[in-house]
N, C-alpha and C. Protein backbone atom coordinates (compact mmCIF):
# COMPACT_ATOMS: atom_id res chain seq x y z
N MET A 1 -0.69 -23.85 97.24
CA MET A 1 -2.27 -24.29 98.56
C MET A 1 -1.35 -23.86 99.58
N LEU A 2 -0.37 -24.52 99.71
CA LEU A 2 0.47 -24.82 100.91
C LEU A 2 0.56 -23.25 101.70
N LEU A 3 0.95 -22.04 100.66
CA LEU A 3 1.41 -21.11 101.38
C LEU A 3 0.33 -19.80 101.69
N MET A 4 -1.20 -21.07 101.22
CA MET A 4 -2.21 -19.93 101.76
C MET A 4 -2.86 -20.64 103.07
N TRP A 5 -2.66 -21.92 103.33
CA TRP A 5 -2.69 -22.34 104.32
C TRP A 5 -2.08 -21.69 105.49
N ARG A 6 -0.28 -21.54 105.48
CA ARG A 6 0.47 -21.06 106.22
C ARG A 6 -0.14 -19.40 106.89
N ASP A 7 -0.40 -18.94 105.63
CA ASP A 7 -0.65 -17.53 106.44
C ASP A 7 -1.95 -17.36 106.89
N ARG A 8 -3.10 -18.72 106.45
CA ARG A 8 -4.23 -18.37 107.47
C ARG A 8 -3.39 -19.51 109.32
N GLU A 9 -2.68 -19.61 109.03
CA GLU A 9 -2.54 -20.65 110.29
C GLU A 9 -1.51 -18.88 110.97
N ASN A 10 -0.84 -18.24 110.06
CA ASN A 10 -0.22 -17.06 110.86
C ASN A 10 -1.48 -15.80 111.47
N ILE A 11 -2.13 -15.74 110.59
CA ILE A 11 -3.32 -14.80 110.86
C ILE A 11 -4.01 -15.28 112.21
N GLU A 12 -4.70 -16.49 112.21
CA GLU A 12 -4.66 -16.96 113.29
C GLU A 12 -4.15 -16.84 114.78
N ILE A 13 -3.13 -17.21 114.36
CA ILE A 13 -1.96 -17.26 115.79
C ILE A 13 -1.89 -15.95 116.43
N GLY A 14 -1.56 -14.89 114.97
CA GLY A 14 -1.53 -13.07 115.03
C GLY A 14 -2.93 -12.68 116.44
N ARG A 15 -3.98 -13.21 116.15
CA ARG A 15 -5.08 -13.38 116.60
C ARG A 15 -4.87 -13.70 117.63
N GLU A 16 -5.13 -15.00 117.89
CA GLU A 16 -4.69 -15.06 119.34
C GLU A 16 -3.86 -14.39 120.01
N ILE A 17 -2.90 -14.43 119.71
CA ILE A 17 -1.82 -13.26 120.48
C ILE A 17 -2.50 -12.36 121.12
N GLY A 18 -2.80 -11.39 119.63
CA GLY A 18 -3.46 -9.84 119.76
C GLY A 18 -4.56 -10.23 120.90
N TYR A 19 -6.07 -10.88 121.01
CA TYR A 19 -6.81 -11.33 121.83
C TYR A 19 -6.34 -11.45 123.47
N ALA A 20 -4.84 -12.42 123.60
CA ALA A 20 -5.02 -12.55 125.24
C ALA A 20 -3.48 -11.26 125.37
N GLU A 21 -3.19 -10.40 124.36
CA GLU A 21 -3.15 -9.43 125.03
C GLU A 21 -3.36 -7.97 125.72
N ARG A 22 -5.25 -7.85 125.15
CA ARG A 22 -6.13 -7.29 125.07
C ARG A 22 -7.07 -7.88 126.28
N TYR A 23 -6.74 -8.81 126.65
CA TYR A 23 -7.15 -9.80 127.48
C TYR A 23 -6.49 -9.40 128.78
N ALA A 24 -5.49 -9.55 129.00
CA ALA A 24 -3.93 -9.53 130.14
C ALA A 24 -4.35 -8.21 130.36
N GLU A 25 -4.33 -7.16 129.26
CA GLU A 25 -4.38 -5.56 130.03
C GLU A 25 -5.90 -5.27 130.84
N GLY A 26 -6.69 -6.02 130.20
CA GLY A 26 -8.32 -5.77 130.95
C GLY A 26 -8.25 -6.22 132.11
N TYR A 27 -7.71 -7.57 131.90
CA TYR A 27 -7.39 -8.18 133.22
C TYR A 27 -6.78 -7.55 134.25
N ALA A 28 -5.43 -6.61 133.82
CA ALA A 28 -4.73 -5.98 134.91
C ALA A 28 -5.60 -4.56 135.43
N GLU A 29 -5.96 -3.91 134.53
CA GLU A 29 -6.77 -3.04 134.50
C GLU A 29 -8.05 -3.19 136.19
N GLY A 30 -9.01 -4.43 135.50
CA GLY A 30 -9.83 -4.42 136.60
C GLY A 30 -9.38 -5.01 137.46
N TYR A 31 -8.42 -5.80 137.96
CA TYR A 31 -7.23 -6.08 138.99
C TYR A 31 -7.43 -4.48 139.80
N ALA A 32 -6.64 -3.95 139.50
CA ALA A 32 -6.29 -2.58 140.19
C ALA A 32 -7.52 -1.87 140.46
N LYS A 33 -8.37 -1.56 139.29
CA LYS A 33 -9.98 -1.02 139.66
C LYS A 33 -10.29 -1.68 141.38
N GLY A 34 -10.36 -3.14 141.47
CA GLY A 34 -11.01 -4.06 142.31
C GLY A 34 -10.21 -3.74 143.78
N PHE A 35 -9.27 -3.65 143.19
CA PHE A 35 -7.81 -3.89 144.42
C PHE A 35 -8.36 -2.31 145.31
N ALA A 36 -8.19 -1.08 144.65
CA ALA A 36 -8.31 0.14 145.29
C ALA A 36 -9.68 0.09 145.46
N GLU A 37 -10.56 -0.39 144.73
CA GLU A 37 -12.11 -0.36 145.23
C GLU A 37 -11.89 -1.02 147.17
N GLY A 38 -11.08 -2.00 146.68
CA GLY A 38 -11.40 -2.94 148.12
C GLY A 38 -10.50 -2.34 149.42
N LEU A 39 -9.38 -1.66 148.57
CA LEU A 39 -9.09 -0.55 150.16
C LEU A 39 -9.43 0.42 150.53
N ALA A 40 -10.38 1.03 149.47
CA ALA A 40 -10.55 2.48 150.07
C ALA A 40 -12.23 1.93 151.08
N GLU A 41 -12.59 0.42 150.77
CA GLU A 41 -13.95 0.24 151.45
C GLU A 41 -13.67 -0.41 152.78
N GLY A 42 -12.57 -0.89 153.16
CA GLY A 42 -11.52 -1.77 154.16
C GLY A 42 -10.93 -0.67 154.83
N MET A 43 -10.38 0.45 154.52
CA MET A 43 -10.14 1.49 155.23
C MET A 43 -11.36 2.39 156.26
N ALA A 44 -12.49 2.70 155.18
CA ALA A 44 -13.52 3.23 155.57
C ALA A 44 -14.14 2.65 156.85
N ARG A 45 -13.71 1.01 156.47
CA ARG A 45 -14.56 -0.40 157.67
C ARG A 45 -13.89 0.29 158.73
N THR A 46 -12.16 0.00 158.48
CA THR A 46 -11.48 0.24 160.16
C THR A 46 -11.67 1.53 160.81
N ALA A 47 -11.87 2.61 159.40
CA ALA A 47 -12.14 3.53 160.70
C ALA A 47 -13.02 3.55 161.80
N LYS A 48 -14.45 3.37 160.96
CA LYS A 48 -15.61 3.04 161.88
C LYS A 48 -15.37 2.19 162.98
N ILE A 49 -14.50 0.96 163.01
CA ILE A 49 -14.51 0.08 164.06
C ILE A 49 -13.43 0.91 165.12
N ILE A 50 -12.66 1.75 164.90
CA ILE A 50 -11.53 2.24 165.42
C ILE A 50 -12.42 3.11 166.30
N ARG A 51 -13.22 3.82 165.38
CA ARG A 51 -14.16 5.25 166.02
C ARG A 51 -15.26 4.99 167.09
N LEU A 52 -15.68 3.97 166.62
CA LEU A 52 -16.82 3.38 167.58
C LEU A 52 -15.94 3.02 168.72
N HIS A 53 -15.20 1.93 168.49
CA HIS A 53 -14.22 1.17 169.96
C HIS A 53 -13.58 2.74 170.75
N VAL A 54 -12.97 3.84 170.24
CA VAL A 54 -12.04 4.91 170.59
C VAL A 54 -13.95 5.60 171.90
N ASP A 55 -14.77 5.61 171.31
CA ASP A 55 -15.82 5.96 171.27
C ASP A 55 -16.61 5.26 172.81
N GLY A 56 -16.49 4.24 172.86
CA GLY A 56 -16.07 3.17 174.39
C GLY A 56 -17.03 2.04 174.10
N LEU A 57 -17.82 1.81 172.97
CA LEU A 57 -18.29 0.85 172.62
C LEU A 57 -17.83 -0.77 172.64
N ALA A 58 -18.01 -1.63 173.13
CA ALA A 58 -17.31 -3.07 173.09
C ALA A 58 -17.35 -3.64 171.79
N ALA A 59 -16.19 -4.73 171.35
CA ALA A 59 -16.19 -5.32 170.26
C ALA A 59 -17.87 -5.71 169.47
N ASN A 60 -18.58 -6.46 170.87
CA ASN A 60 -20.07 -7.41 170.07
C ASN A 60 -20.89 -5.79 169.77
N GLU A 61 -20.63 -5.11 170.15
CA GLU A 61 -21.54 -4.11 170.22
C GLU A 61 -21.52 -3.39 168.60
N ILE A 62 -19.70 -3.19 168.17
CA ILE A 62 -19.59 -2.26 166.88
C ILE A 62 -20.15 -3.65 166.06
N ALA A 63 -19.45 -4.65 166.58
CA ALA A 63 -19.92 -5.48 164.63
C ALA A 63 -21.71 -5.87 164.72
N ALA A 64 -22.34 -5.80 165.55
CA ALA A 64 -23.73 -5.70 165.75
C ALA A 64 -24.16 -4.66 164.77
N ARG A 65 -23.66 -3.42 165.35
CA ARG A 65 -24.06 -2.06 164.57
C ARG A 65 -23.19 -2.12 163.27
N LEU A 66 -22.54 -2.27 163.02
CA LEU A 66 -21.68 -2.42 161.60
C LEU A 66 -22.15 -3.77 160.76
N CYS A 67 -22.88 -4.23 161.34
CA CYS A 67 -22.90 -5.77 160.67
C CYS A 67 -21.94 -6.60 159.93
N LEU A 68 -20.86 -6.58 161.22
CA LEU A 68 -19.91 -7.17 160.72
C LEU A 68 -19.22 -8.62 161.18
N ASP A 69 -18.46 -9.38 161.27
CA ASP A 69 -18.14 -10.58 161.95
C ASP A 69 -17.44 -10.52 163.01
N PRO A 70 -17.57 -10.56 164.20
CA PRO A 70 -16.70 -9.93 165.55
C PRO A 70 -15.49 -10.81 165.41
N HIS A 71 -15.17 -11.60 165.08
CA HIS A 71 -13.68 -11.45 164.96
C HIS A 71 -12.96 -10.65 163.85
N ILE A 72 -13.64 -10.09 163.14
CA ILE A 72 -12.58 -9.20 162.31
C ILE A 72 -12.69 -7.70 163.35
N VAL A 73 -14.01 -7.30 163.56
CA VAL A 73 -13.73 -6.37 164.64
C VAL A 73 -12.51 -6.57 165.77
N GLU A 74 -12.80 -7.50 166.88
CA GLU A 74 -11.95 -7.60 167.50
C GLU A 74 -10.57 -7.63 167.13
N TYR A 75 -9.97 -7.96 166.13
CA TYR A 75 -8.63 -8.16 165.10
C TYR A 75 -8.05 -7.02 165.25
N THR A 76 -9.11 -5.89 164.64
CA THR A 76 -9.08 -4.86 164.17
C THR A 76 -8.68 -3.53 165.53
N ILE A 77 -9.34 -4.07 166.93
CA ILE A 77 -9.36 -3.49 167.92
C ILE A 77 -7.89 -4.44 168.76
N GLN A 78 -7.70 -5.17 168.36
CA GLN A 78 -6.35 -6.16 168.87
C GLN A 78 -5.09 -5.37 168.11
N LYS A 79 -5.50 -4.84 166.73
CA LYS A 79 -4.08 -4.33 166.16
C LYS A 79 -3.83 -3.07 166.38
N PHE A 80 -5.13 -2.48 166.45
CA PHE A 80 -5.16 -0.83 166.91
C PHE A 80 -4.72 -0.51 168.16
N THR A 81 -4.78 -1.20 169.46
CA THR A 81 -3.94 -1.41 170.83
C THR A 81 -2.93 -1.38 170.48
N GLU A 82 -2.07 -2.24 169.64
CA GLU A 82 -0.42 -3.23 169.62
C GLU A 82 0.18 -1.90 169.42
N VAL A 83 -0.58 -1.04 167.82
CA VAL A 83 0.26 -0.02 167.69
C VAL A 83 0.01 1.38 168.12
N SER A 84 -1.25 1.74 169.24
CA SER A 84 -1.35 2.53 169.62
C SER A 84 -0.84 2.59 171.13
């Protein structure tokens, strides 16, 4: 009886470890996918802000047109002008 109990405990531990590994793999894949999507979206938003800035629009106008926070637009323009 004791041997069966120990086997049952080992089986449960194995299931827990297998579940944790599958969860970690799924989490890593989901994180990588979300990071890539967020990066692409941020780069597209930055490109739009810079394009409108180069066309001569003010930060408030850009923020209103793209429905963004004016601080984000001002920060992006500031970093763009520092680099160029």
